[in-house]
PDB file of all heavy atoms in Angstrom:
ATOM      1  N   ALA A   1      83.298  -8.830 -69.550  1.00  0.00           N
ATOM      2  CA  ALA A   1      82.437  -7.690 -69.675  1.00  0.00           C
ATOM      3  C   ALA A   1      82.389  -7.166 -71.060  1.00  0.00           C
ATOM      4  O   ALA A   1      81.370  -6.613 -71.549  1.00  0.00           O
ATOM      5  CB  ALA A   1      82.962  -6.541 -68.722  1.00  0.00           C
ATOM      6  N   LEU A   2      83.468  -7.323 -71.823  1.00  0.00           N
ATOM      7  CA  LEU A   2      83.562  -6.780 -73.159  1.00  0.00           C
ATOM      8  C   LEU A   2      83.023  -7.703 -74.272  1.00  0.00           C
ATOM      9  O   LEU A   2      82.670  -7.229 -75.373  1.00  0.00           O
ATOM     10  CB  LEU A   2      85.022  -6.439 -73.514  1.00  0.00           C
ATOM     11  CG  LEU A   2      85.652  -5.309 -72.728  1.00  0.00           C
ATOM     12  CD1 LEU A   2      87.194  -5.308 -72.883  1.00  0.00           C
ATOM     13  CD2 LEU A   2      85.135  -3.975 -73.204  1.00  0.00           C
ATOM     14  N   SER A   3      82.955  -8.982 -73.961  1.00  0.00           N
ATOM     15  CA  SER A   3      82.553  -9.977 -75.008  1.00  0.00           C
ATOM     16  C   SER A   3      81.089  -9.850 -75.350  1.00  0.00           C
ATOM     17  O   SER A   3      80.221  -9.644 -74.455  1.00  0.00           O
ATOM     18  CB  SER A   3      82.893 -11.347 -74.522  1.00  0.00           C
ATOM     19  OG  SER A   3      84.281 -11.520 -74.358  1.00  0.00           O
ATOM     20  N   ASP A   4      80.760 -10.004 -76.649  1.00  0.00           N
ATOM     21  CA  ASP A   4      79.371 -10.039 -77.053  1.00  0.00           C
ATOM     22  C   ASP A   4      78.847 -11.444 -77.005  1.00  0.00           C
ATOM     23  O   ASP A   4      79.534 -12.406 -76.533  1.00  0.00           O
ATOM     24  CB  ASP A   4      79.178  -9.404 -78.436  1.00  0.00           C
ATOM     25  CG  ASP A   4      79.826 -10.239 -79.574  1.00  0.00           C
ATOM     26  OD1 ASP A   4      80.335 -11.372 -79.297  1.00  0.00           O
ATOM     27  OD2 ASP A   4      79.936  -9.723 -80.671  1.00  0.00           O
ATOM     28  N   GLU A   5      77.645 -11.670 -77.470  1.00  0.00           N
ATOM     29  CA  GLU A   5      76.993 -12.954 -77.374  1.00  0.00           C
ATOM     30  C   GLU A   5      77.691 -14.050 -78.221  1.00  0.00           C
ATOM     31  O   GLU A   5      77.479 -15.233 -78.065  1.00  0.00           O
ATOM     32  CB  GLU A   5      75.524 -12.935 -77.732  1.00  0.00           C
ATOM     33  CG  GLU A   5      75.230 -12.593 -79.206  1.00  0.00           C
ATOM     34  CD  GLU A   5      75.277 -11.144 -79.521  1.00  0.00           C
ATOM     35  OE1 GLU A   5      75.693 -10.320 -78.646  1.00  0.00           O
ATOM     36  OE2 GLU A   5      74.873 -10.725 -80.623  1.00  0.00           O
ATOM     37  N   LYS A   6      78.546 -13.627 -79.168  1.00  0.00           N
ATOM     38  CA  LYS A   6      79.310 -14.539 -79.991  1.00  0.00           C
ATOM     39  C   LYS A   6      80.750 -14.674 -79.548  1.00  0.00           C
ATOM     40  O   LYS A   6      81.557 -15.229 -80.296  1.00  0.00           O
ATOM     41  CB  LYS A   6      79.233 -14.058 -81.456  1.00  0.00           C
ATOM     42  CG  LYS A   6      77.835 -14.082 -82.032  1.00  0.00           C
ATOM     43  CD  LYS A   6      77.843 -13.676 -83.482  1.00  0.00           C
ATOM     44  CE  LYS A   6      76.448 -13.698 -84.077  1.00  0.00           C
ATOM     45  NZ  LYS A   6      76.439 -13.256 -85.514  1.00  0.00           N
ATOM     46  N   GLY A   7      81.054 -14.140 -78.368  1.00  0.00           N
ATOM     47  CA  GLY A   7      82.418 -14.320 -77.820  1.00  0.00           C
ATOM     48  C   GLY A   7      83.444 -13.432 -78.564  1.00  0.00           C
ATOM     49  O   GLY A   7      84.626 -13.770 -78.606  1.00  0.00           O
ATOM     50  N   ARG A   8      82.989 -12.231 -79.004  1.00  0.00           N
ATOM     51  CA  ARG A   8      83.865 -11.333 -79.671  1.00  0.00           C
ATOM     52  C   ARG A   8      84.060 -10.030 -78.909  1.00  0.00           C
ATOM     53  O   ARG A   8      83.190  -9.647 -78.149  1.00  0.00           O
ATOM     54  CB  ARG A   8      83.300 -11.012 -81.069  1.00  0.00           C
ATOM     55  CG  ARG A   8      83.032 -12.218 -81.940  1.00  0.00           C
ATOM     56  CD  ARG A   8      82.368 -11.836 -83.252  1.00  0.00           C
ATOM     57  NE  ARG A   8      81.115 -11.198 -82.995  1.00  0.00           N
ATOM     58  CZ  ARG A   8      80.273 -10.768 -83.963  1.00  0.00           C
ATOM     59  NH1 ARG A   8      80.626 -10.936 -85.261  1.00  0.00           N
ATOM     60  NH2 ARG A   8      79.158 -10.150 -83.707  1.00  0.00           N
ATOM     61  N   VAL A   9      85.191  -9.410 -79.120  1.00  0.00           N
ATOM     62  CA  VAL A   9      85.450  -8.115 -78.472  1.00  0.00           C
ATOM     63  C   VAL A   9      85.775  -7.099 -79.575  1.00  0.00           C
ATOM     64  O   VAL A   9      86.516  -7.359 -80.534  1.00  0.00           O
ATOM     65  CB  VAL A   9      86.697  -8.214 -77.503  1.00  0.00           C
ATOM     66  CG1 VAL A   9      87.044  -6.880 -76.975  1.00  0.00           C
ATOM     67  CG2 VAL A   9      86.377  -9.203 -76.378  1.00  0.00           C
ATOM     68  N   TYR A  10      85.196  -5.903 -79.386  1.00  0.00           N
ATOM     69  CA  TYR A  10      85.484  -4.839 -80.316  1.00  0.00           C
ATOM     70  C   TYR A  10      86.705  -4.075 -79.844  1.00  0.00           C
ATOM     71  O   TYR A  10      86.757  -3.665 -78.688  1.00  0.00           O
ATOM     72  CB  TYR A  10      84.257  -3.925 -80.448  1.00  0.00           C
ATOM     73  CG  TYR A  10      83.081  -4.672 -81.072  1.00  0.00           C
ATOM     74  CD1 TYR A  10      82.239  -5.432 -80.269  1.00  0.00           C
ATOM     75  CD2 TYR A  10      82.892  -4.633 -82.456  1.00  0.00           C
ATOM     76  CE1 TYR A  10      81.205  -6.146 -80.866  1.00  0.00           C
ATOM     77  CE2 TYR A  10      81.877  -5.351 -83.014  1.00  0.00           C
ATOM     78  CZ  TYR A  10      81.016  -6.092 -82.261  1.00  0.00           C
ATOM     79  OH  TYR A  10      79.977  -6.822 -82.809  1.00  0.00           O
ATOM     80  N   VAL A  11      87.664  -3.930 -80.740  1.00  0.00           N
ATOM     81  CA  VAL A  11      88.950  -3.312 -80.377  1.00  0.00           C
ATOM     82  C   VAL A  11      89.194  -2.063 -81.206  1.00  0.00           C
ATOM     83  O   VAL A  11      89.044  -2.098 -82.425  1.00  0.00           O
ATOM     84  CB  VAL A  11      90.101  -4.287 -80.526  1.00  0.00           C
ATOM     85  CG1 VAL A  11      91.436  -3.638 -80.085  1.00  0.00           C
ATOM     86  CG2 VAL A  11      89.868  -5.553 -79.740  1.00  0.00           C
ATOM     87  N   ARG A  12      89.515  -0.970 -80.535  1.00  0.00           N
ATOM     88  CA  ARG A  12      89.825   0.293 -81.233  1.00  0.00           C
ATOM     89  C   ARG A  12      91.376   0.498 -81.132  1.00  0.00           C
ATOM     90  O   ARG A  12      91.911   0.525 -80.059  1.00  0.00           O
ATOM     91  CB  ARG A  12      89.132   1.429 -80.522  1.00  0.00           C
ATOM     92  CG  ARG A  12      89.304   2.812 -81.245  1.00  0.00           C
ATOM     93  CD  ARG A  12      88.815   3.920 -80.353  1.00  0.00           C
ATOM     94  NE  ARG A  12      88.733   5.197 -81.072  1.00  0.00           N
ATOM     95  CZ  ARG A  12      88.802   6.347 -80.413  1.00  0.00           C
ATOM     96  NH1 ARG A  12      88.918   6.413 -79.113  1.00  0.00           N
ATOM     97  NH2 ARG A  12      88.768   7.504 -81.104  1.00  0.00           N
ATOM     98  N   TYR A  13      92.003   0.589 -82.292  1.00  0.00           N
ATOM     99  CA  TYR A  13      93.425   0.823 -82.375  1.00  0.00           C
ATOM    100  C   TYR A  13      93.675   2.313 -82.675  1.00  0.00           C
ATOM    101  O   TYR A  13      93.260   2.838 -83.673  1.00  0.00           O
ATOM    102  CB  TYR A  13      94.053  -0.043 -83.463  1.00  0.00           C
ATOM    103  CG  TYR A  13      93.940  -1.480 -83.223  1.00  0.00           C
ATOM    104  CD1 TYR A  13      92.836  -2.204 -83.624  1.00  0.00           C
ATOM    105  CD2 TYR A  13      94.947  -2.200 -82.532  1.00  0.00           C
ATOM    106  CE1 TYR A  13      92.670  -3.589 -83.357  1.00  0.00           C
ATOM    107  CE2 TYR A  13      94.787  -3.564 -82.296  1.00  0.00           C
ATOM    108  CZ  TYR A  13      93.716  -4.248 -82.667  1.00  0.00           C
ATOM    109  OH  TYR A  13      93.576  -5.586 -82.503  1.00  0.00           O
ATOM    110  N   LEU A  14      94.336   2.956 -81.706  1.00  0.00           N
ATOM    111  CA  LEU A  14      94.672   4.409 -81.904  1.00  0.00           C
ATOM    112  C   LEU A  14      95.941   4.429 -82.706  1.00  0.00           C
ATOM    113  O   LEU A  14      97.053   4.100 -82.280  1.00  0.00           O
ATOM    114  CB  LEU A  14      94.908   5.020 -80.507  1.00  0.00           C
ATOM    115  CG  LEU A  14      93.698   4.984 -79.591  1.00  0.00           C
ATOM    116  CD1 LEU A  14      94.016   5.748 -78.286  1.00  0.00           C
ATOM    117  CD2 LEU A  14      92.442   5.526 -80.235  1.00  0.00           C
ATOM    118  N   LYS A  15      95.778   4.902 -83.936  1.00  0.00           N
ATOM    119  CA  LYS A  15      96.919   4.834 -84.913  1.00  0.00           C
ATOM    120  C   LYS A  15      97.681   6.159 -85.034  1.00  0.00           C
ATOM    121  O   LYS A  15      98.877   6.129 -85.223  1.00  0.00           O
ATOM    122  CB  LYS A  15      96.379   4.427 -86.276  1.00  0.00           C
ATOM    123  CG  LYS A  15      95.700   3.087 -86.328  1.00  0.00           C
ATOM    124  CD  LYS A  15      95.222   2.650 -87.707  1.00  0.00           C
ATOM    125  CE  LYS A  15      96.451   2.382 -88.616  1.00  0.00           C
ATOM    126  NZ  LYS A  15      96.014   1.898 -89.952  1.00  0.00           N
ATOM    127  N   ARG A  16      97.000   7.272 -84.917  1.00  0.00           N
ATOM    128  CA  ARG A  16      97.723   8.529 -85.085  1.00  0.00           C
ATOM    129  C   ARG A  16      97.017   9.644 -84.355  1.00  0.00           C
ATOM    130  O   ARG A  16      95.796   9.789 -84.507  1.00  0.00           O
ATOM    131  CB  ARG A  16      97.931   8.890 -86.544  1.00  0.00           C
ATOM    132  CG  ARG A  16      98.819  10.074 -86.827  1.00  0.00           C
ATOM    133  CD  ARG A  16      99.138  10.290 -88.298  1.00  0.00           C
ATOM    134  NE  ARG A  16      97.961  10.528 -89.051  1.00  0.00           N
ATOM    135  CZ  ARG A  16      97.418   9.685 -89.943  1.00  0.00           C
ATOM    136  NH1 ARG A  16      97.931   8.480 -90.104  1.00  0.00           N
ATOM    137  NH2 ARG A  16      96.320  10.029 -90.611  1.00  0.00           N
ATOM    138  N   ALA A  17      97.756  10.455 -83.560  1.00  0.00           N
ATOM    139  CA  ALA A  17      97.209  11.599 -82.889  1.00  0.00           C
ATOM    140  C   ALA A  17      97.445  12.874 -83.710  1.00  0.00           C
ATOM    141  O   ALA A  17      98.530  13.009 -84.317  1.00  0.00           O
ATOM    142  CB  ALA A  17      97.844  11.768 -81.520  1.00  0.00           C
ATOM    143  N   ARG A  18      96.428  13.750 -83.694  1.00  0.00           N
ATOM    144  CA  ARG A  18      96.623  15.029 -84.362  1.00  0.00           C
ATOM    145  C   ARG A  18      97.353  15.993 -83.425  1.00  0.00           C
ATOM    146  O   ARG A  18      98.217  16.707 -83.867  1.00  0.00           O
ATOM    147  CB  ARG A  18      95.292  15.594 -84.750  1.00  0.00           C
ATOM    148  CG  ARG A  18      95.350  17.003 -85.410  1.00  0.00           C
ATOM    149  CD  ARG A  18      93.993  17.499 -85.872  1.00  0.00           C
ATOM    150  NE  ARG A  18      93.412  16.577 -86.820  1.00  0.00           N
ATOM    151  CZ  ARG A  18      92.223  16.721 -87.340  1.00  0.00           C
ATOM    152  NH1 ARG A  18      91.513  17.779 -87.036  1.00  0.00           N
ATOM    153  NH2 ARG A  18      91.745  15.843 -88.216  1.00  0.00           N
ATOM    154  N   ALA A  19      96.995  15.988 -82.136  1.00  0.00           N
ATOM    155  CA  ALA A  19      97.569  16.902 -81.198  1.00  0.00           C
ATOM    156  C   ALA A  19      97.375  16.328 -79.759  1.00  0.00           C
ATOM    157  O   ALA A  19      96.431  15.626 -79.529  1.00  0.00           O
ATOM    158  CB  ALA A  19      96.954  18.278 -81.291  1.00  0.00           C
ATOM    159  N   VAL A  20      98.299  16.676 -78.902  1.00  0.00           N
ATOM    160  CA  VAL A  20      98.208  16.390 -77.456  1.00  0.00           C
ATOM    161  C   VAL A  20      98.098  17.711 -76.754  1.00  0.00           C
ATOM    162  O   VAL A  20      98.944  18.566 -76.900  1.00  0.00           O
ATOM    163  CB  VAL A  20      99.444  15.577 -76.968  1.00  0.00           C
ATOM    164  CG1 VAL A  20      99.351  15.373 -75.449  1.00  0.00           C
ATOM    165  CG2 VAL A  20      99.525  14.240 -77.731  1.00  0.00           C
ATOM    166  N   TYR A  21      97.046  17.840 -75.971  1.00  0.00           N
ATOM    167  CA  TYR A  21      96.745  19.128 -75.328  1.00  0.00           C
ATOM    168  C   TYR A  21      97.126  19.201 -73.839  1.00  0.00           C
ATOM    169  O   TYR A  21      97.412  20.278 -73.352  1.00  0.00           O
ATOM    170  CB  TYR A  21      95.284  19.490 -75.490  1.00  0.00           C
ATOM    171  CG  TYR A  21      94.991  19.964 -76.875  1.00  0.00           C
ATOM    172  CD1 TYR A  21      94.426  19.107 -77.844  1.00  0.00           C
ATOM    173  CD2 TYR A  21      95.272  21.277 -77.278  1.00  0.00           C
ATOM    174  CE1 TYR A  21      94.244  19.531 -79.152  1.00  0.00           C
ATOM    175  CE2 TYR A  21      95.032  21.761 -78.556  1.00  0.00           C
ATOM    176  CZ  TYR A  21      94.514  20.885 -79.464  1.00  0.00           C
ATOM    177  OH  TYR A  21      94.261  21.280 -80.776  1.00  0.00           O
ATOM    178  N   ASP A  22      97.088  18.053 -73.156  1.00  0.00           N
ATOM    179  CA  ASP A  22      97.595  18.110 -71.772  1.00  0.00           C
ATOM    180  C   ASP A  22      97.995  16.742 -71.294  1.00  0.00           C
ATOM    181  O   ASP A  22      97.524  15.742 -71.838  1.00  0.00           O
ATOM    182  CB  ASP A  22      96.589  18.803 -70.821  1.00  0.00           C
ATOM    183  CG  ASP A  22      95.390  17.929 -70.483  1.00  0.00           C
ATOM    184  OD1 ASP A  22      95.580  16.961 -69.746  1.00  0.00           O
ATOM    185  OD2 ASP A  22      94.286  18.271 -70.898  1.00  0.00           O
ATOM    186  N   VAL A  23      98.876  16.717 -70.347  1.00  0.00           N
ATOM    187  CA  VAL A  23      99.233  15.541 -69.620  1.00  0.00           C
ATOM    188  C   VAL A  23      98.961  15.923 -68.148  1.00  0.00           C
ATOM    189  O   VAL A  23      99.232  17.058 -67.681  1.00  0.00           O
ATOM    190  CB  VAL A  23     100.729  15.117 -69.813  1.00  0.00           C
ATOM    191  CG1 VAL A  23     100.930  14.633 -71.220  1.00  0.00           C
ATOM    192  CG2 VAL A  23     101.659  16.316 -69.508  1.00  0.00           C
ATOM    193  N   SER A  24      98.432  14.932 -67.366  1.00  0.00           N
ATOM    194  CA  SER A  24      97.971  15.305 -66.065  1.00  0.00           C
ATOM    195  C   SER A  24      98.175  14.209 -65.017  1.00  0.00           C
ATOM    196  O   SER A  24      97.827  13.082 -65.265  1.00  0.00           O
ATOM    197  CB  SER A  24      96.449  15.567 -66.088  1.00  0.00           C
ATOM    198  OG  SER A  24      96.135  16.679 -66.860  1.00  0.00           O
ATOM    199  N   PRO A  25      98.751  14.569 -63.862  1.00  0.00           N
ATOM    200  CA  PRO A  25      98.616  13.709 -62.742  1.00  0.00           C
ATOM    201  C   PRO A  25      97.120  13.738 -62.282  1.00  0.00           C
ATOM    202  O   PRO A  25      96.496  14.814 -62.257  1.00  0.00           O
ATOM    203  CB  PRO A  25      99.474  14.341 -61.657  1.00  0.00           C
ATOM    204  CG  PRO A  25     100.333  15.333 -62.408  1.00  0.00           C
ATOM    205  CD  PRO A  25      99.538  15.748 -63.553  1.00  0.00           C
ATOM    206  N   VAL A  26      96.576  12.537 -62.001  1.00  0.00           N
ATOM    207  CA  VAL A  26      95.166  12.489 -61.683  1.00  0.00           C
ATOM    208  C   VAL A  26      94.898  11.692 -60.441  1.00  0.00           C
ATOM    209  O   VAL A  26      95.567  10.714 -60.146  1.00  0.00           O
ATOM    210  CB  VAL A  26      94.310  11.947 -62.878  1.00  0.00           C
ATOM    211  CG1 VAL A  26      94.331  12.897 -64.060  1.00  0.00           C
ATOM    212  CG2 VAL A  26      94.778  10.559 -63.299  1.00  0.00           C
ATOM    213  N   THR A  27      93.892  12.085 -59.699  1.00  0.00           N
ATOM    214  CA  THR A  27      93.550  11.424 -58.465  1.00  0.00           C
ATOM    215  C   THR A  27      92.811  10.108 -58.695  1.00  0.00           C
ATOM    216  O   THR A  27      93.080   9.076 -58.093  1.00  0.00           O
ATOM    217  CB  THR A  27      92.659  12.363 -57.586  1.00  0.00           C
ATOM    218  OG1 THR A  27      93.285  13.611 -57.454  1.00  0.00           O
ATOM    219  CG2 THR A  27      92.422  11.741 -56.189  1.00  0.00           C
ATOM    220  N   PHE A  28      91.829  10.133 -59.605  1.00  0.00           N
ATOM    221  CA  PHE A  28      91.033   8.967 -59.929  1.00  0.00           C
ATOM    222  C   PHE A  28      90.991   8.790 -61.430  1.00  0.00           C
ATOM    223  O   PHE A  28      90.323   9.475 -62.188  1.00  0.00           O
ATOM    224  CB  PHE A  28      89.588   9.139 -59.418  1.00  0.00           C
ATOM    225  CG  PHE A  28      89.426   9.223 -57.912  1.00  0.00           C
ATOM    226  CD1 PHE A  28      89.063  10.462 -57.353  1.00  0.00           C
ATOM    227  CD2 PHE A  28      89.747   8.119 -57.145  1.00  0.00           C
ATOM    228  CE1 PHE A  28      88.961  10.510 -55.960  1.00  0.00           C
ATOM    229  CE2 PHE A  28      89.633   8.236 -55.745  1.00  0.00           C
ATOM    230  CZ  PHE A  28      89.235   9.397 -55.171  1.00  0.00           C
ATOM    231  N   PRO A  29      91.690   7.716 -61.854  1.00  0.00           N
ATOM    232  CA  PRO A  29      91.581   7.381 -63.303  1.00  0.00           C
ATOM    233  C   PRO A  29      90.147   6.909 -63.582  1.00  0.00           C
ATOM    234  O   PRO A  29      89.535   6.199 -62.802  1.00  0.00           O
ATOM    235  CB  PRO A  29      92.547   6.213 -63.500  1.00  0.00           C
ATOM    236  CG  PRO A  29      93.436   6.284 -62.289  1.00  0.00           C
ATOM    237  CD  PRO A  29      92.616   6.820 -61.205  1.00  0.00           C
ATOM    238  N   ALA A  30      89.607   7.288 -64.765  1.00  0.00           N
ATOM    239  CA  ALA A  30      88.233   6.913 -65.095  1.00  0.00           C
ATOM    240  C   ALA A  30      88.047   6.868 -66.586  1.00  0.00           C
ATOM    241  O   ALA A  30      88.007   7.853 -67.250  1.00  0.00           O
ATOM    242  CB  ALA A  30      87.232   7.867 -64.440  1.00  0.00           C
ATOM    243  N   TYR A  31      87.882   5.675 -67.147  1.00  0.00           N
ATOM    244  CA  TYR A  31      87.720   5.523 -68.611  1.00  0.00           C
ATOM    245  C   TYR A  31      86.264   5.862 -68.984  1.00  0.00           C
ATOM    246  O   TYR A  31      85.947   5.885 -70.180  1.00  0.00           O
ATOM    247  CB  TYR A  31      88.023   4.140 -69.052  1.00  0.00           C
ATOM    248  CG  TYR A  31      89.518   3.906 -69.167  1.00  0.00           C
ATOM    249  CD1 TYR A  31      90.212   3.147 -68.257  1.00  0.00           C
ATOM    250  CD2 TYR A  31      90.235   4.450 -70.226  1.00  0.00           C
ATOM    251  CE1 TYR A  31      91.532   2.897 -68.375  1.00  0.00           C
ATOM    252  CE2 TYR A  31      91.593   4.289 -70.347  1.00  0.00           C
ATOM    253  CZ  TYR A  31      92.249   3.503 -69.427  1.00  0.00           C
ATOM    254  OH  TYR A  31      93.640   3.323 -69.563  1.00  0.00           O
ATOM    255  N   SER A  32      85.393   6.246 -68.073  1.00  0.00           N
ATOM    256  CA  SER A  32      84.073   6.540 -68.433  1.00  0.00           C
ATOM    257  C   SER A  32      83.974   7.892 -69.209  1.00  0.00           C
ATOM    258  O   SER A  32      82.950   8.236 -69.745  1.00  0.00           O
ATOM    259  CB  SER A  32      83.183   6.677 -67.200  1.00  0.00           C
ATOM    260  OG  SER A  32      83.712   7.595 -66.273  1.00  0.00           O
ATOM    261  N   GLN A  33      85.052   8.605 -69.273  1.00  0.00           N
ATOM    262  CA  GLN A  33      85.064   9.864 -70.049  1.00  0.00           C
ATOM    263  C   GLN A  33      85.410   9.693 -71.516  1.00  0.00           C
ATOM    264  O   GLN A  33      85.797  10.624 -72.190  1.00  0.00           O
ATOM    265  CB  GLN A  33      86.023  10.846 -69.381  1.00  0.00           C
ATOM    266  CG  GLN A  33      85.629  11.255 -67.985  1.00  0.00           C
ATOM    267  CD  GLN A  33      86.539  12.303 -67.398  1.00  0.00           C
ATOM    268  OE1 GLN A  33      87.126  13.093 -68.111  1.00  0.00           O
ATOM    269  NE2 GLN A  33      86.707  12.280 -66.091  1.00  0.00           N
ATOM    270  N   THR A  34      85.227   8.509 -72.062  1.00  0.00           N
ATOM    271  CA  THR A  34      85.409   8.244 -73.410  1.00  0.00           C
ATOM    272  C   THR A  34      84.474   9.166 -74.241  1.00  0.00           C
ATOM    273  O   THR A  34      83.324   9.362 -73.939  1.00  0.00           O
ATOM    274  CB  THR A  34      85.091   6.784 -73.778  1.00  0.00           C
ATOM    275  OG1 THR A  34      85.975   6.000 -73.023  1.00  0.00           O
ATOM    276  CG2 THR A  34      85.310   6.490 -75.214  1.00  0.00           C
ATOM    277  N   SER A  35      84.959   9.665 -75.359  1.00  0.00           N
ATOM    278  CA  SER A  35      84.230  10.619 -76.154  1.00  0.00           C
ATOM    279  C   SER A  35      83.157  10.001 -76.997  1.00  0.00           C
ATOM    280  O   SER A  35      83.167   8.802 -77.292  1.00  0.00           O
ATOM    281  CB  SER A  35      85.199  11.473 -77.059  1.00  0.00           C
ATOM    282  OG  SER A  35      85.585  10.632 -78.089  1.00  0.00           O
ATOM    283  N   THR A  36      82.224  10.816 -77.527  1.00  0.00           N
ATOM    284  CA  THR A  36      81.253  10.354 -78.483  1.00  0.00           C
ATOM    285  C   THR A  36      81.880  10.057 -79.828  1.00  0.00           C
ATOM    286  O   THR A  36      81.297   9.289 -80.604  1.00  0.00           O
ATOM    287  CB  THR A  36      80.133  11.395 -78.628  1.00  0.00           C
ATOM    288  OG1 THR A  36      80.709  12.654 -79.026  1.00  0.00           O
ATOM    289  CG2 THR A  36      79.349  11.520 -77.353  1.00  0.00           C
ATOM    290  N   THR A  37      83.059  10.588 -80.073  1.00  0.00           N
ATOM    291  CA  THR A  37      83.813  10.184 -81.290  1.00  0.00           C
ATOM    292  C   THR A  37      84.085   8.726 -81.307  1.00  0.00           C
ATOM    293  O   THR A  37      83.828   7.996 -82.295  1.00  0.00           O
ATOM    294  CB  THR A  37      85.084  10.962 -81.404  1.00  0.00           C
ATOM    295  OG1 THR A  37      84.828  12.367 -81.540  1.00  0.00           O
ATOM    296  CG2 THR A  37      85.937  10.506 -82.639  1.00  0.00           C
ATOM    297  N   ALA A  38      84.579   8.243 -80.169  1.00  0.00           N
ATOM    298  CA  ALA A  38      84.823   6.795 -80.036  1.00  0.00           C
ATOM    299  C   ALA A  38      83.533   5.969 -80.127  1.00  0.00           C
ATOM    300  O   ALA A  38      83.484   4.877 -80.709  1.00  0.00           O
ATOM    301  CB  ALA A  38      85.557   6.462 -78.710  1.00  0.00           C
ATOM    302  N   LEU A  39      82.501   6.478 -79.487  1.00  0.00           N
ATOM    303  CA  LEU A  39      81.188   5.792 -79.508  1.00  0.00           C
ATOM    304  C   LEU A  39      80.671   5.683 -80.925  1.00  0.00           C
ATOM    305  O   LEU A  39      80.058   4.645 -81.320  1.00  0.00           O
ATOM    306  CB  LEU A  39      80.185   6.500 -78.594  1.00  0.00           C
ATOM    307  CG  LEU A  39      78.867   5.741 -78.380  1.00  0.00           C
ATOM    308  CD1 LEU A  39      79.146   4.453 -77.709  1.00  0.00           C
ATOM    309  CD2 LEU A  39      77.923   6.619 -77.557  1.00  0.00           C
ATOM    310  N   ARG A  40      80.805   6.746 -81.729  1.00  0.00           N
ATOM    311  CA  ARG A  40      80.320   6.646 -83.093  1.00  0.00           C
ATOM    312  C   ARG A  40      81.107   5.602 -83.886  1.00  0.00           C
ATOM    313  O   ARG A  40      80.490   4.870 -84.702  1.00  0.00           O
ATOM    314  CB  ARG A  40      80.496   8.039 -83.768  1.00  0.00           C
ATOM    315  CG  ARG A  40      79.437   9.055 -83.392  1.00  0.00           C
ATOM    316  CD  ARG A  40      79.436  10.244 -84.282  1.00  0.00           C
ATOM    317  NE  ARG A  40      80.696  10.947 -84.279  1.00  0.00           N
ATOM    318  CZ  ARG A  40      80.896  11.974 -83.472  1.00  0.00           C
ATOM    319  NH1 ARG A  40      79.977  12.374 -82.650  1.00  0.00           N
ATOM    320  NH2 ARG A  40      82.044  12.588 -83.496  1.00  0.00           N
ATOM    321  N   GLY A  41      82.439   5.485 -83.629  1.00  0.00           N
ATOM    322  CA  GLY A  41      83.197   4.437 -84.293  1.00  0.00           C
ATOM    323  C   GLY A  41      82.698   3.079 -83.923  1.00  0.00           C
ATOM    324  O   GLY A  41      82.635   2.162 -84.769  1.00  0.00           O
ATOM    325  N   LEU A  42      82.341   2.889 -82.642  1.00  0.00           N
ATOM    326  CA  LEU A  42      81.820   1.615 -82.171  1.00  0.00           C
ATOM    327  C   LEU A  42      80.521   1.300 -82.826  1.00  0.00           C
ATOM    328  O   LEU A  42      80.237   0.194 -83.267  1.00  0.00           O
ATOM    329  CB  LEU A  42      81.664   1.637 -80.674  1.00  0.00           C
ATOM    330  CG  LEU A  42      81.091   0.364 -80.031  1.00  0.00           C
ATOM    331  CD1 LEU A  42      82.054  -0.802 -80.239  1.00  0.00           C
ATOM    332  CD2 LEU A  42      80.880   0.574 -78.494  1.00  0.00           C
ATOM    333  N   ASP A  43      79.620   2.334 -82.980  1.00  0.00           N
ATOM    334  CA  ASP A  43      78.345   2.158 -83.645  1.00  0.00           C
ATOM    335  C   ASP A  43      78.578   1.644 -85.097  1.00  0.00           C
ATOM    336  O   ASP A  43      77.900   0.706 -85.544  1.00  0.00           O
ATOM    337  CB  ASP A  43      77.600   3.441 -83.710  1.00  0.00           C
ATOM    338  CG  ASP A  43      76.850   3.706 -82.418  1.00  0.00           C
ATOM    339  OD1 ASP A  43      76.929   2.856 -81.497  1.00  0.00           O
ATOM    340  OD2 ASP A  43      76.143   4.766 -82.307  1.00  0.00           O
ATOM    341  N   GLU A  44      79.519   2.283 -85.767  1.00  0.00           N
ATOM    342  CA  GLU A  44      79.733   1.889 -87.159  1.00  0.00           C
ATOM    343  C   GLU A  44      80.200   0.436 -87.354  1.00  0.00           C
ATOM    344  O   GLU A  44      79.736  -0.276 -88.171  1.00  0.00           O
ATOM    345  CB  GLU A  44      80.743   2.878 -87.828  1.00  0.00           C
ATOM    346  CG  GLU A  44      80.217   4.277 -88.013  1.00  0.00           C
ATOM    347  CD  GLU A  44      78.934   4.304 -88.839  1.00  0.00           C
ATOM    348  OE1 GLU A  44      78.922   3.627 -89.903  1.00  0.00           O
ATOM    349  OE2 GLU A  44      77.975   4.946 -88.473  1.00  0.00           O
ATOM    350  N   ILE A  45      81.140   0.044 -86.502  1.00  0.00           N
ATOM    351  CA  ILE A  45      81.650  -1.347 -86.611  1.00  0.00           C
ATOM    352  C   ILE A  45      80.555  -2.326 -86.240  1.00  0.00           C
ATOM    353  O   ILE A  45      80.467  -3.394 -86.841  1.00  0.00           O
ATOM    354  CB  ILE A  45      82.888  -1.543 -85.760  1.00  0.00           C
ATOM    355  CG1 ILE A  45      83.624  -2.860 -86.136  1.00  0.00           C
ATOM    356  CG2 ILE A  45      82.656  -1.480 -84.313  1.00  0.00           C
ATOM    357  CD1 ILE A  45      84.263  -2.882 -87.472  1.00  0.00           C
TER     358      ILE A  45
END
């Protein structure tokens, strides 16, 4: 699902957090809530 037409995957390495605001038990994990900050980084690469 992640591979492009050249067989490559774009990988984001989280190197440093500025702050952690909450930790949560959750009923349904869902990575669809990725921020537009991450999307902008994907656009640039």
